[in-house]
Amino acid sequence: MIDRALLARPALEAAPLLLGAVLTRTTDDGPVAVRLTEVEAYGGAEDPGSHAFRGERPRNRAMFGPPGHLYAYFTYGMHTCANVVCGPEGAASAVLLRAGEVVAGHDLALRRRGGARDRDLARGPARLVVALGIALADDGADLLGGGGWSLDPAPEPAEAVRGPRVGVAGDGGDGGRFPWRFWIDGDPTVSAYRPGGRRRPAGAARGPGAAR
C-alpha cells in the first residue's frame, strides 16, 4: 500500500509518484486493478482550473479532507471522474486519474466497458472509472483503508513526461502556466491531448479532465 505520507505532499509532487501505481477496486462483482499511466495535478485557491478555486462547497468537500481519499465528481451530466486527494488536510489539492492499463479483472472491466479494445478499457478519466466500477457515491472513500480499496506503489519509478492538462481553459497549449499533466511516455493507454477552450462563466458546467 502507498504510504499516506507520500500523498500528504502537494499534488504537483505526488502526481508523478502515482505513475505506475496500481489502484484496485473490489465490488460484489469482483476486483479490477488498473496501473496508472496518466494523471493530472490540481491545486486549491491558486489554481483556476481546480474545483477548489472558489473555496469549499458540498460538491468538493472531499478535496479538503485528509490525503489518500477519493474525490469523485459528476461532469457533463453523464460521467464520473476520480481523483486522489493530496496535501495536508484542508489544503484542497488532488490528482485526477486520467488513464491506465487494466492489469487484473480484465473480463469484468470488459463487461463494464461494453467490449472495448484492451488499450481503451481505462484510457480516459470516465472510462477508467467505469472499468473500476467507481460511482459518485464513493466520493470520500479511503483508498488506503481497505474496505474494497487498495492503492499500491509502482514496483519501480516510472519515467514521467510532463505537459499541459487536458481541456483546461487558460493552461495554454504549451503548458505555460500549468504543465501539470504527467504520463508514461509511449504507453498506449495514455489519452489524446485536447487543449482547453474559452473559459466558461462562473457557475457554468465544466467538462472532464480536471479536479475542478
N, C-alpha and C. Protein backbone atom coordinates (compact mmCIF):
# COMPACT_ATOMS: atom_id res chain seq x y z
N MET A 1 0.85 -1.19 0.00
CA MET A 1 0.00 0.00 0.00
C MET A 1 0.88 1.25 0.00
N ILE A 2 0.49 2.25 -0.74
CA ILE A 2 1.22 3.51 -0.75
C ILE A 2 1.16 4.15 0.64
N ASP A 3 2.27 4.72 1.05
CA ASP A 3 2.35 5.42 2.33
C ASP A 3 1.54 6.70 2.26
N ARG A 4 0.66 6.91 3.23
CA ARG A 4 -0.17 8.11 3.22
C ARG A 4 0.68 9.38 3.27
N ALA A 5 1.86 9.28 3.88
CA ALA A 5 2.72 10.45 3.96
C ALA A 5 3.16 10.93 2.58
N LEU A 6 3.28 9.99 1.62
CA LEU A 6 3.64 10.38 0.25
C LEU A 6 2.55 11.25 -0.34
N LEU A 7 1.28 10.92 -0.05
CA LEU A 7 0.16 11.68 -0.60
C LEU A 7 -0.11 12.95 0.18
N ALA A 8 0.55 13.12 1.31
CA ALA A 8 0.42 14.36 2.07
C ALA A 8 1.24 15.49 1.45
N ARG A 9 2.02 15.16 0.41
CA ARG A 9 2.75 16.20 -0.32
C ARG A 9 1.77 16.98 -1.20
N PRO A 10 2.19 18.17 -1.66
CA PRO A 10 1.35 18.88 -2.63
C PRO A 10 1.09 18.02 -3.87
N ALA A 11 -0.04 18.24 -4.50
CA ALA A 11 -0.44 17.40 -5.63
C ALA A 11 0.60 17.39 -6.74
N LEU A 12 1.26 18.52 -6.95
CA LEU A 12 2.25 18.60 -8.02
C LEU A 12 3.44 17.68 -7.76
N GLU A 13 3.75 17.42 -6.50
CA GLU A 13 4.82 16.49 -6.15
C GLU A 13 4.32 15.05 -6.14
N ALA A 14 3.10 14.85 -5.67
CA ALA A 14 2.57 13.49 -5.56
C ALA A 14 2.18 12.89 -6.91
N ALA A 15 1.74 13.74 -7.84
CA ALA A 15 1.20 13.23 -9.10
C ALA A 15 2.16 12.31 -9.85
N PRO A 16 3.41 12.72 -10.13
CA PRO A 16 4.28 11.81 -10.88
C PRO A 16 4.62 10.53 -10.13
N LEU A 17 4.53 10.58 -8.79
CA LEU A 17 4.82 9.39 -7.99
C LEU A 17 3.71 8.35 -8.09
N LEU A 18 2.54 8.77 -8.59
CA LEU A 18 1.43 7.82 -8.76
C LEU A 18 1.52 7.06 -10.08
N LEU A 19 2.36 7.50 -11.00
CA LEU A 19 2.50 6.78 -12.27
C LEU A 19 3.07 5.39 -12.01
N GLY A 20 2.41 4.40 -12.56
CA GLY A 20 2.81 3.02 -12.34
C GLY A 20 2.19 2.39 -11.12
N ALA A 21 1.59 3.20 -10.25
CA ALA A 21 0.88 2.65 -9.09
C ALA A 21 -0.37 1.91 -9.55
N VAL A 22 -0.83 0.97 -8.73
CA VAL A 22 -1.98 0.15 -9.10
C VAL A 22 -3.13 0.41 -8.13
N LEU A 23 -4.24 0.89 -8.68
CA LEU A 23 -5.46 1.11 -7.92
C LEU A 23 -6.39 -0.08 -8.14
N THR A 24 -6.80 -0.71 -7.04
CA THR A 24 -7.71 -1.86 -7.11
C THR A 24 -9.00 -1.52 -6.41
N ARG A 25 -10.10 -1.81 -7.09
CA ARG A 25 -11.43 -1.62 -6.52
C ARG A 25 -12.13 -2.98 -6.55
N THR A 26 -12.55 -3.45 -5.37
CA THR A 26 -13.25 -4.73 -5.26
C THR A 26 -14.71 -4.48 -4.90
N THR A 27 -15.61 -4.93 -5.75
CA THR A 27 -17.05 -4.83 -5.52
C THR A 27 -17.63 -6.24 -5.38
N ASP A 28 -18.93 -6.34 -5.28
CA ASP A 28 -19.57 -7.65 -5.21
C ASP A 28 -19.32 -8.48 -6.46
N ASP A 29 -19.02 -7.80 -7.57
CA ASP A 29 -18.73 -8.50 -8.83
C ASP A 29 -17.31 -9.02 -8.91
N GLY A 30 -16.44 -8.54 -8.01
CA GLY A 30 -15.05 -8.97 -8.03
C GLY A 30 -14.11 -7.79 -8.12
N PRO A 31 -12.79 -8.05 -8.14
CA PRO A 31 -11.80 -6.97 -8.20
C PRO A 31 -11.40 -6.60 -9.62
N VAL A 32 -11.10 -5.33 -9.81
CA VAL A 32 -10.45 -4.84 -11.03
C VAL A 32 -9.29 -3.96 -10.58
N ALA A 33 -8.14 -4.15 -11.20
CA ALA A 33 -6.96 -3.35 -10.86
C ALA A 33 -6.46 -2.62 -12.10
N VAL A 34 -6.10 -1.36 -11.93
CA VAL A 34 -5.62 -0.53 -13.03
C VAL A 34 -4.26 0.07 -12.66
N ARG A 35 -3.29 -0.13 -13.54
CA ARG A 35 -1.98 0.52 -13.40
C ARG A 35 -2.08 1.91 -13.99
N LEU A 36 -1.80 2.92 -13.19
CA LEU A 36 -1.99 4.30 -13.61
C LEU A 36 -0.88 4.74 -14.57
N THR A 37 -1.29 5.27 -15.73
CA THR A 37 -0.32 5.70 -16.74
C THR A 37 -0.39 7.19 -17.06
N GLU A 38 -1.41 7.87 -16.56
CA GLU A 38 -1.57 9.30 -16.84
C GLU A 38 -2.37 9.95 -15.72
N VAL A 39 -1.87 11.05 -15.20
CA VAL A 39 -2.53 11.76 -14.10
C VAL A 39 -2.36 13.26 -14.31
N GLU A 40 -3.18 14.04 -13.59
CA GLU A 40 -3.08 15.50 -13.62
C GLU A 40 -3.18 16.04 -12.20
N ALA A 41 -2.36 17.04 -11.90
CA ALA A 41 -2.38 17.66 -10.58
C ALA A 41 -3.27 18.90 -10.60
N TYR A 42 -4.00 19.10 -9.50
CA TYR A 42 -4.85 20.28 -9.32
C TYR A 42 -4.66 20.82 -7.91
N GLY A 43 -4.46 22.13 -7.84
CA GLY A 43 -4.26 22.78 -6.56
C GLY A 43 -5.57 23.34 -6.01
N GLY A 44 -5.44 24.30 -5.13
CA GLY A 44 -6.61 24.90 -4.50
C GLY A 44 -6.86 26.30 -4.98
N ALA A 45 -6.79 27.26 -4.07
CA ALA A 45 -7.16 28.64 -4.39
C ALA A 45 -6.23 29.28 -5.41
N GLU A 46 -5.02 28.72 -5.59
CA GLU A 46 -4.07 29.30 -6.54
C GLU A 46 -4.23 28.74 -7.95
N ASP A 47 -5.13 27.80 -8.13
CA ASP A 47 -5.27 27.10 -9.41
C ASP A 47 -6.67 27.34 -9.98
N PRO A 48 -6.82 28.20 -11.00
CA PRO A 48 -8.14 28.49 -11.56
C PRO A 48 -8.78 27.29 -12.25
N GLY A 49 -8.01 26.24 -12.53
CA GLY A 49 -8.57 25.03 -13.12
C GLY A 49 -9.13 24.07 -12.10
N SER A 50 -9.00 24.40 -10.81
CA SER A 50 -9.39 23.48 -9.74
C SER A 50 -10.82 23.73 -9.26
N HIS A 51 -11.49 22.67 -8.86
CA HIS A 51 -12.81 22.81 -8.25
C HIS A 51 -12.74 23.58 -6.94
N ALA A 52 -11.54 23.62 -6.31
CA ALA A 52 -11.39 24.30 -5.03
C ALA A 52 -11.03 25.77 -5.18
N PHE A 53 -10.98 26.26 -6.40
CA PHE A 53 -10.53 27.62 -6.66
C PHE A 53 -11.35 28.66 -5.90
N ARG A 54 -12.65 28.42 -5.80
CA ARG A 54 -13.54 29.38 -5.12
C ARG A 54 -13.93 28.92 -3.71
N GLY A 55 -13.16 28.01 -3.15
CA GLY A 55 -13.40 27.60 -1.78
C GLY A 55 -14.21 26.32 -1.66
N GLU A 56 -14.47 25.95 -0.42
CA GLU A 56 -15.14 24.68 -0.13
C GLU A 56 -16.63 24.78 -0.40
N ARG A 57 -17.16 23.73 -1.04
CA ARG A 57 -18.58 23.59 -1.33
C ARG A 57 -18.96 22.14 -1.02
N PRO A 58 -20.25 21.84 -0.90
CA PRO A 58 -20.64 20.45 -0.67
C PRO A 58 -20.07 19.50 -1.72
N ARG A 59 -20.04 19.96 -2.97
CA ARG A 59 -19.58 19.10 -4.06
C ARG A 59 -18.11 18.73 -3.94
N ASN A 60 -17.27 19.68 -3.47
CA ASN A 60 -15.82 19.44 -3.47
C ASN A 60 -15.26 19.18 -2.08
N ARG A 61 -16.11 18.89 -1.11
CA ARG A 61 -15.67 18.78 0.29
C ARG A 61 -14.55 17.76 0.47
N ALA A 62 -14.61 16.66 -0.29
CA ALA A 62 -13.57 15.62 -0.14
C ALA A 62 -12.19 16.15 -0.46
N MET A 63 -12.09 17.15 -1.35
CA MET A 63 -10.78 17.73 -1.69
C MET A 63 -10.11 18.37 -0.48
N PHE A 64 -10.90 18.82 0.48
CA PHE A 64 -10.38 19.49 1.66
C PHE A 64 -10.08 18.51 2.79
N GLY A 65 -10.35 17.25 2.57
CA GLY A 65 -10.16 16.24 3.59
C GLY A 65 -8.75 15.69 3.63
N PRO A 66 -8.54 14.59 4.37
CA PRO A 66 -7.20 14.03 4.52
C PRO A 66 -6.71 13.39 3.23
N PRO A 67 -5.39 13.30 3.06
CA PRO A 67 -4.85 12.69 1.84
C PRO A 67 -5.15 11.19 1.77
N GLY A 68 -5.16 10.69 0.54
CA GLY A 68 -5.39 9.27 0.33
C GLY A 68 -6.85 8.90 0.18
N HIS A 69 -7.72 9.89 0.19
CA HIS A 69 -9.14 9.64 -0.01
C HIS A 69 -9.52 9.93 -1.46
N LEU A 70 -10.69 9.47 -1.84
CA LEU A 70 -11.19 9.64 -3.20
C LEU A 70 -12.04 10.90 -3.30
N TYR A 71 -11.76 11.70 -4.32
CA TYR A 71 -12.67 12.79 -4.68
C TYR A 71 -13.29 12.42 -6.02
N ALA A 72 -14.59 12.15 -6.01
CA ALA A 72 -15.31 11.79 -7.23
C ALA A 72 -16.31 12.90 -7.55
N TYR A 73 -16.43 13.23 -8.82
CA TYR A 73 -17.39 14.26 -9.22
C TYR A 73 -18.05 13.87 -10.54
N PHE A 74 -19.21 14.44 -10.76
CA PHE A 74 -20.03 14.15 -11.94
C PHE A 74 -19.88 15.30 -12.92
N THR A 75 -19.71 14.99 -14.19
CA THR A 75 -19.47 16.03 -15.18
C THR A 75 -20.25 15.75 -16.46
N TYR A 76 -20.58 16.81 -17.15
CA TYR A 76 -21.34 16.74 -18.41
C TYR A 76 -22.67 15.99 -18.25
N GLY A 77 -23.13 15.83 -17.03
CA GLY A 77 -24.40 15.15 -16.80
C GLY A 77 -24.38 13.67 -17.12
N MET A 78 -23.18 13.09 -17.31
CA MET A 78 -23.14 11.68 -17.69
C MET A 78 -21.92 10.92 -17.18
N HIS A 79 -20.82 11.60 -16.81
CA HIS A 79 -19.59 10.92 -16.46
C HIS A 79 -19.18 11.22 -15.02
N THR A 80 -18.59 10.21 -14.37
CA THR A 80 -17.95 10.40 -13.08
C THR A 80 -16.44 10.34 -13.29
N CYS A 81 -15.70 11.21 -12.63
CA CYS A 81 -14.24 11.21 -12.68
C CYS A 81 -13.70 11.01 -11.27
N ALA A 82 -12.50 10.42 -11.17
CA ALA A 82 -11.93 10.05 -9.88
C ALA A 82 -10.59 10.74 -9.66
N ASN A 83 -10.37 11.21 -8.43
CA ASN A 83 -9.14 11.87 -8.04
C ASN A 83 -8.65 11.31 -6.71
N VAL A 84 -7.34 11.35 -6.52
CA VAL A 84 -6.74 11.02 -5.23
C VAL A 84 -6.46 12.34 -4.52
N VAL A 85 -7.02 12.52 -3.34
CA VAL A 85 -6.79 13.74 -2.56
C VAL A 85 -5.35 13.73 -2.04
N CYS A 86 -4.68 14.87 -2.18
CA CYS A 86 -3.28 15.00 -1.76
C CYS A 86 -3.12 16.22 -0.86
N GLY A 87 -1.90 16.36 -0.33
CA GLY A 87 -1.60 17.50 0.52
C GLY A 87 -2.16 17.31 1.93
N PRO A 88 -1.79 18.19 2.85
CA PRO A 88 -2.33 18.10 4.21
C PRO A 88 -3.82 18.43 4.21
N GLU A 89 -4.50 17.92 5.21
CA GLU A 89 -5.94 18.17 5.32
C GLU A 89 -6.21 19.67 5.32
N GLY A 90 -7.18 20.09 4.52
CA GLY A 90 -7.52 21.50 4.40
C GLY A 90 -6.85 22.20 3.24
N ALA A 91 -5.85 21.54 2.62
CA ALA A 91 -5.10 22.18 1.53
C ALA A 91 -5.85 22.13 0.20
N ALA A 92 -6.77 21.21 0.05
CA ALA A 92 -7.62 21.12 -1.14
C ALA A 92 -6.83 20.96 -2.43
N SER A 93 -6.06 19.90 -2.52
CA SER A 93 -5.41 19.56 -3.78
C SER A 93 -5.69 18.09 -4.07
N ALA A 94 -5.63 17.75 -5.36
CA ALA A 94 -5.97 16.38 -5.76
C ALA A 94 -5.31 16.05 -7.08
N VAL A 95 -5.24 14.75 -7.36
CA VAL A 95 -4.66 14.26 -8.61
C VAL A 95 -5.74 13.50 -9.37
N LEU A 96 -6.07 14.00 -10.55
CA LEU A 96 -7.05 13.34 -11.40
C LEU A 96 -6.43 12.10 -12.03
N LEU A 97 -7.13 10.99 -11.99
CA LEU A 97 -6.69 9.75 -12.62
C LEU A 97 -7.20 9.75 -14.05
N ARG A 98 -6.31 10.04 -14.99
CA ARG A 98 -6.72 10.23 -16.38
C ARG A 98 -6.76 8.94 -17.19
N ALA A 99 -5.83 8.02 -16.94
CA ALA A 99 -5.78 6.82 -17.78
C ALA A 99 -4.96 5.74 -17.10
N GLY A 100 -5.17 4.51 -17.55
CA GLY A 100 -4.40 3.40 -17.00
C GLY A 100 -4.59 2.13 -17.81
N GLU A 101 -3.89 1.11 -17.39
CA GLU A 101 -3.94 -0.22 -18.01
C GLU A 101 -4.59 -1.19 -17.03
N VAL A 102 -5.61 -1.91 -17.47
CA VAL A 102 -6.23 -2.93 -16.63
C VAL A 102 -5.27 -4.10 -16.50
N VAL A 103 -4.85 -4.40 -15.25
CA VAL A 103 -3.87 -5.46 -15.03
C VAL A 103 -4.46 -6.64 -14.25
N ALA A 104 -5.69 -6.52 -13.79
CA ALA A 104 -6.39 -7.63 -13.13
C ALA A 104 -7.89 -7.37 -13.27
N GLY A 105 -8.66 -8.46 -13.35
CA GLY A 105 -10.10 -8.31 -13.53
C GLY A 105 -10.48 -7.89 -14.93
N HIS A 106 -9.68 -8.33 -15.91
CA HIS A 106 -9.88 -7.90 -17.29
C HIS A 106 -11.29 -8.20 -17.79
N ASP A 107 -11.80 -9.41 -17.55
CA ASP A 107 -13.12 -9.79 -18.07
C ASP A 107 -14.22 -8.93 -17.49
N LEU A 108 -14.12 -8.62 -16.19
CA LEU A 108 -15.12 -7.76 -15.55
C LEU A 108 -15.06 -6.35 -16.12
N ALA A 109 -13.85 -5.82 -16.28
CA ALA A 109 -13.70 -4.48 -16.87
C ALA A 109 -14.24 -4.46 -18.29
N LEU A 110 -14.03 -5.53 -19.04
CA LEU A 110 -14.51 -5.62 -20.42
C LEU A 110 -16.04 -5.59 -20.45
N ARG A 111 -16.67 -6.30 -19.53
CA ARG A 111 -18.14 -6.28 -19.48
C ARG A 111 -18.66 -4.88 -19.13
N ARG A 112 -18.02 -4.26 -18.19
CA ARG A 112 -18.46 -2.92 -17.79
C ARG A 112 -18.30 -1.91 -18.92
N ARG A 113 -17.28 -2.12 -19.72
CA ARG A 113 -16.98 -1.17 -20.80
C ARG A 113 -17.61 -1.56 -22.13
N GLY A 114 -18.36 -2.64 -22.15
CA GLY A 114 -19.11 -3.00 -23.35
C GLY A 114 -18.25 -3.49 -24.50
N GLY A 115 -17.16 -4.21 -24.18
CA GLY A 115 -16.37 -4.82 -25.22
C GLY A 115 -15.35 -3.91 -25.88
N ALA A 116 -14.83 -2.91 -25.17
CA ALA A 116 -13.82 -2.01 -25.72
C ALA A 116 -12.50 -2.75 -25.95
N ARG A 117 -11.65 -2.16 -26.80
CA ARG A 117 -10.31 -2.71 -27.00
C ARG A 117 -9.51 -2.62 -25.70
N ASP A 118 -8.55 -3.52 -25.53
CA ASP A 118 -7.78 -3.55 -24.29
C ASP A 118 -7.17 -2.20 -23.96
N ARG A 119 -6.57 -1.53 -24.95
CA ARG A 119 -5.90 -0.26 -24.68
C ARG A 119 -6.88 0.83 -24.28
N ASP A 120 -8.16 0.65 -24.62
CA ASP A 120 -9.16 1.67 -24.34
C ASP A 120 -10.00 1.39 -23.10
N LEU A 121 -9.76 0.28 -22.41
CA LEU A 121 -10.59 -0.07 -21.27
C LEU A 121 -10.58 1.02 -20.19
N ALA A 122 -9.42 1.59 -19.94
CA ALA A 122 -9.30 2.64 -18.92
C ALA A 122 -8.54 3.84 -19.47
N ARG A 123 -8.71 4.10 -20.76
CA ARG A 123 -8.00 5.20 -21.43
C ARG A 123 -8.89 6.43 -21.46
N GLY A 124 -8.70 7.30 -20.49
CA GLY A 124 -9.56 8.46 -20.30
C GLY A 124 -10.20 8.39 -18.93
N PRO A 125 -10.43 9.53 -18.28
CA PRO A 125 -10.91 9.52 -16.88
C PRO A 125 -12.26 8.87 -16.68
N ALA A 126 -13.21 9.07 -17.60
CA ALA A 126 -14.53 8.45 -17.44
C ALA A 126 -14.45 6.94 -17.67
N ARG A 127 -13.69 6.50 -18.65
CA ARG A 127 -13.54 5.07 -18.93
C ARG A 127 -12.86 4.36 -17.76
N LEU A 128 -11.86 4.99 -17.18
CA LEU A 128 -11.16 4.41 -16.04
C LEU A 128 -12.13 4.15 -14.88
N VAL A 129 -12.98 5.12 -14.62
CA VAL A 129 -13.96 4.99 -13.54
C VAL A 129 -14.93 3.84 -13.82
N VAL A 130 -15.41 3.74 -15.05
CA VAL A 130 -16.35 2.66 -15.40
C VAL A 130 -15.67 1.31 -15.26
N ALA A 131 -14.44 1.19 -15.76
CA ALA A 131 -13.73 -0.08 -15.69
C ALA A 131 -13.54 -0.54 -14.25
N LEU A 132 -13.26 0.40 -13.35
CA LEU A 132 -13.04 0.06 -11.95
C LEU A 132 -14.34 -0.11 -11.17
N GLY A 133 -15.45 0.32 -11.73
CA GLY A 133 -16.72 0.23 -11.00
C GLY A 133 -16.87 1.29 -9.93
N ILE A 134 -16.22 2.44 -10.13
CA ILE A 134 -16.33 3.55 -9.18
C ILE A 134 -17.61 4.34 -9.46
N ALA A 135 -18.30 4.72 -8.42
CA ALA A 135 -19.54 5.50 -8.55
C ALA A 135 -19.40 6.81 -7.80
N LEU A 136 -20.27 7.76 -8.13
CA LEU A 136 -20.25 9.05 -7.44
C LEU A 136 -20.43 8.88 -5.94
N ALA A 137 -21.17 7.85 -5.54
CA ALA A 137 -21.41 7.58 -4.12
C ALA A 137 -20.13 7.19 -3.38
N ASP A 138 -19.07 6.86 -4.11
CA ASP A 138 -17.79 6.51 -3.49
C ASP A 138 -16.98 7.73 -3.08
N ASP A 139 -17.46 8.92 -3.40
CA ASP A 139 -16.77 10.16 -3.04
C ASP A 139 -16.42 10.15 -1.56
N GLY A 140 -15.16 10.41 -1.25
CA GLY A 140 -14.71 10.45 0.14
C GLY A 140 -14.16 9.14 0.66
N ALA A 141 -14.23 8.06 -0.12
CA ALA A 141 -13.73 6.76 0.32
C ALA A 141 -12.23 6.81 0.60
N ASP A 142 -11.80 6.05 1.60
CA ASP A 142 -10.38 5.98 1.94
C ASP A 142 -9.72 4.92 1.07
N LEU A 143 -8.88 5.34 0.13
CA LEU A 143 -8.24 4.42 -0.79
C LEU A 143 -7.17 3.58 -0.12
N LEU A 144 -6.77 3.97 1.07
CA LEU A 144 -5.70 3.27 1.79
C LEU A 144 -6.22 2.55 3.02
N GLY A 145 -7.52 2.51 3.18
CA GLY A 145 -8.09 1.96 4.40
C GLY A 145 -8.76 0.62 4.27
N GLY A 146 -8.49 -0.09 3.16
CA GLY A 146 -9.15 -1.38 2.96
C GLY A 146 -10.59 -1.18 2.51
N GLY A 147 -11.46 -2.09 2.89
CA GLY A 147 -12.87 -1.96 2.53
C GLY A 147 -13.12 -1.99 1.05
N GLY A 148 -12.36 -2.80 0.33
CA GLY A 148 -12.56 -2.92 -1.11
C GLY A 148 -11.67 -2.03 -1.94
N TRP A 149 -10.79 -1.27 -1.29
CA TRP A 149 -9.87 -0.37 -2.00
C TRP A 149 -8.42 -0.70 -1.66
N SER A 150 -7.54 -0.56 -2.63
CA SER A 150 -6.11 -0.57 -2.34
C SER A 150 -5.40 0.26 -3.41
N LEU A 151 -4.35 0.93 -2.98
CA LEU A 151 -3.52 1.74 -3.89
C LEU A 151 -2.08 1.37 -3.60
N ASP A 152 -1.49 0.59 -4.50
CA ASP A 152 -0.16 0.03 -4.27
C ASP A 152 0.88 0.75 -5.13
N PRO A 153 2.06 0.97 -4.58
CA PRO A 153 3.08 1.74 -5.32
C PRO A 153 3.60 0.98 -6.53
N ALA A 154 4.15 1.74 -7.47
CA ALA A 154 4.78 1.13 -8.64
C ALA A 154 5.98 0.31 -8.19
N PRO A 155 6.24 -0.83 -8.84
CA PRO A 155 7.40 -1.64 -8.46
C PRO A 155 8.72 -0.90 -8.65
N GLU A 156 8.74 0.03 -9.58
CA GLU A 156 9.91 0.88 -9.79
C GLU A 156 9.44 2.22 -10.33
N PRO A 157 10.18 3.29 -10.06
CA PRO A 157 9.74 4.62 -10.53
C PRO A 157 9.55 4.66 -12.04
N ALA A 158 8.48 5.31 -12.47
CA ALA A 158 8.21 5.43 -13.91
C ALA A 158 8.89 6.68 -14.46
N GLU A 159 9.26 6.61 -15.74
CA GLU A 159 9.81 7.78 -16.42
C GLU A 159 8.65 8.70 -16.80
N ALA A 160 8.53 9.82 -16.11
CA ALA A 160 7.38 10.70 -16.31
C ALA A 160 7.68 11.77 -17.35
N VAL A 161 6.71 11.99 -18.23
CA VAL A 161 6.73 13.11 -19.17
C VAL A 161 5.72 14.12 -18.65
N ARG A 162 6.00 15.39 -18.86
CA ARG A 162 5.17 16.45 -18.27
C ARG A 162 4.69 17.40 -19.35
N GLY A 163 3.43 17.84 -19.25
CA GLY A 163 2.89 18.78 -20.22
C GLY A 163 1.61 19.41 -19.72
N PRO A 164 0.91 20.16 -20.58
CA PRO A 164 -0.32 20.85 -20.17
C PRO A 164 -1.45 19.88 -19.88
N ARG A 165 -2.34 20.30 -19.00
CA ARG A 165 -3.51 19.49 -18.68
C ARG A 165 -4.46 19.47 -19.87
N VAL A 166 -5.34 18.49 -19.87
CA VAL A 166 -6.25 18.28 -21.00
C VAL A 166 -7.55 19.06 -20.79
N GLY A 167 -7.92 19.86 -21.79
CA GLY A 167 -9.23 20.50 -21.80
C GLY A 167 -9.43 21.56 -20.74
N VAL A 168 -8.34 22.14 -20.23
CA VAL A 168 -8.47 23.15 -19.18
C VAL A 168 -8.17 24.52 -19.76
N ALA A 169 -9.19 25.36 -19.84
CA ALA A 169 -9.01 26.70 -20.38
C ALA A 169 -8.02 27.48 -19.54
N GLY A 170 -7.10 28.19 -20.22
CA GLY A 170 -6.15 29.02 -19.51
C GLY A 170 -4.82 28.36 -19.23
N ASP A 171 -4.75 27.01 -19.37
CA ASP A 171 -3.46 26.34 -19.13
C ASP A 171 -2.47 26.66 -20.25
N GLY A 172 -2.96 26.83 -21.47
CA GLY A 172 -2.08 27.13 -22.60
C GLY A 172 -1.60 25.88 -23.28
N GLY A 173 -1.64 25.87 -24.60
CA GLY A 173 -1.24 24.69 -25.36
C GLY A 173 0.20 24.31 -25.14
N ASP A 174 1.03 25.28 -24.74
CA ASP A 174 2.43 24.95 -24.47
C ASP A 174 2.66 24.63 -23.00
N GLY A 175 1.57 24.53 -22.25
CA GLY A 175 1.67 24.20 -20.83
C GLY A 175 2.15 25.36 -19.99
N GLY A 176 2.13 26.59 -20.59
CA GLY A 176 2.69 27.78 -19.98
C GLY A 176 2.53 27.88 -18.47
N ARG A 177 1.32 28.05 -17.99
CA ARG A 177 1.13 28.30 -16.56
C ARG A 177 1.05 27.01 -15.75
N PHE A 178 0.41 25.99 -16.31
CA PHE A 178 0.15 24.79 -15.53
C PHE A 178 0.51 23.52 -16.32
N PRO A 179 1.80 23.23 -16.48
CA PRO A 179 2.18 21.97 -17.12
C PRO A 179 2.10 20.84 -16.09
N TRP A 180 0.90 20.54 -15.68
CA TRP A 180 0.68 19.68 -14.51
C TRP A 180 0.09 18.32 -14.87
N ARG A 181 0.20 17.92 -16.12
CA ARG A 181 -0.18 16.56 -16.52
C ARG A 181 1.09 15.73 -16.63
N PHE A 182 1.03 14.49 -16.12
CA PHE A 182 2.17 13.59 -16.15
C PHE A 182 1.73 12.26 -16.75
N TRP A 183 2.56 11.70 -17.60
CA TRP A 183 2.22 10.42 -18.20
C TRP A 183 3.47 9.60 -18.48
N ILE A 184 3.26 8.30 -18.69
CA ILE A 184 4.35 7.39 -19.02
C ILE A 184 4.54 7.43 -20.53
N ASP A 185 5.68 7.89 -20.95
CA ASP A 185 5.94 8.11 -22.36
C ASP A 185 5.82 6.80 -23.15
N GLY A 186 5.07 6.87 -24.26
CA GLY A 186 4.95 5.74 -25.15
C GLY A 186 3.93 4.70 -24.74
N ASP A 187 3.31 4.87 -23.58
CA ASP A 187 2.31 3.88 -23.16
C ASP A 187 1.05 4.04 -24.00
N PRO A 188 0.53 2.96 -24.58
CA PRO A 188 -0.62 3.08 -25.48
C PRO A 188 -1.92 3.45 -24.80
N THR A 189 -1.97 3.37 -23.47
CA THR A 189 -3.22 3.69 -22.77
C THR A 189 -3.35 5.17 -22.44
N VAL A 190 -2.30 5.96 -22.68
CA VAL A 190 -2.37 7.39 -22.39
C VAL A 190 -3.37 8.05 -23.34
N SER A 191 -4.19 8.95 -22.80
CA SER A 191 -5.25 9.56 -23.61
C SER A 191 -4.70 10.63 -24.53
N ALA A 192 -5.50 11.00 -25.53
CA ALA A 192 -5.09 12.02 -26.50
C ALA A 192 -5.18 13.40 -25.87
N TYR A 193 -4.23 14.28 -26.22
CA TYR A 193 -4.25 15.64 -25.68
C TYR A 193 -5.31 16.48 -26.40
N ARG A 194 -6.04 17.27 -25.61
CA ARG A 194 -7.03 18.19 -26.14
C ARG A 194 -6.89 19.51 -25.39
N PRO A 195 -6.56 20.60 -26.10
CA PRO A 195 -6.39 21.88 -25.41
C PRO A 195 -7.72 22.41 -24.88
N GLY A 196 -7.64 23.30 -23.92
CA GLY A 196 -8.85 23.91 -23.37
C GLY A 196 -9.41 24.96 -24.29
N GLY A 197 -10.71 25.20 -24.19
CA GLY A 197 -11.35 26.25 -24.97
C GLY A 197 -11.46 27.52 -24.19
N ARG A 198 -12.43 28.35 -24.55
CA ARG A 198 -12.64 29.60 -23.82
C ARG A 198 -13.13 29.30 -22.42
N ARG A 199 -12.69 30.11 -21.49
CA ARG A 199 -13.13 29.92 -20.11
C ARG A 199 -14.62 30.19 -19.98
N ARG A 200 -15.30 29.29 -19.29
CA ARG A 200 -16.74 29.45 -19.09
C ARG A 200 -17.01 30.43 -17.96
N PRO A 201 -18.18 31.06 -17.98
CA PRO A 201 -18.51 31.96 -16.87
C PRO A 201 -18.62 31.21 -15.56
N ALA A 202 -18.44 31.93 -14.46
CA ALA A 202 -18.54 31.31 -13.15
C ALA A 202 -19.89 30.63 -12.99
N GLY A 203 -19.84 29.40 -12.45
CA GLY A 203 -21.06 28.67 -12.19
C GLY A 203 -21.51 27.81 -13.36
N ALA A 204 -20.88 27.97 -14.53
CA ALA A 204 -21.27 27.14 -15.69
C ALA A 204 -20.74 25.73 -15.50
N ALA A 205 -21.37 24.77 -16.18
CA ALA A 205 -20.93 23.38 -16.12
C ALA A 205 -19.56 23.25 -16.72
N ARG A 206 -18.74 22.41 -16.14
CA ARG A 206 -17.39 22.19 -16.64
C ARG A 206 -17.23 20.74 -17.05
N GLY A 207 -16.36 20.52 -18.02
CA GLY A 207 -16.21 19.19 -18.56
C GLY A 207 -15.18 18.36 -17.85
N PRO A 208 -14.94 17.14 -18.34
CA PRO A 208 -13.97 16.26 -17.70
C PRO A 208 -12.56 16.72 -17.97
N GLY A 209 -11.62 16.17 -17.25
CA GLY A 209 -10.24 16.47 -17.47
C GLY A 209 -9.63 17.31 -16.36
N ALA A 210 -10.40 17.55 -15.27
CA ALA A 210 -9.83 18.33 -14.18
C ALA A 210 -10.55 18.02 -12.89
N ALA A 211 -9.81 18.11 -11.81
CA ALA A 211 -10.42 18.06 -10.49
C ALA A 211 -10.90 19.46 -10.18
N ARG A 212 -11.92 19.87 -10.91
CA ARG A 212 -12.33 21.28 -10.84
C ARG A 212 -13.56 21.48 -9.98
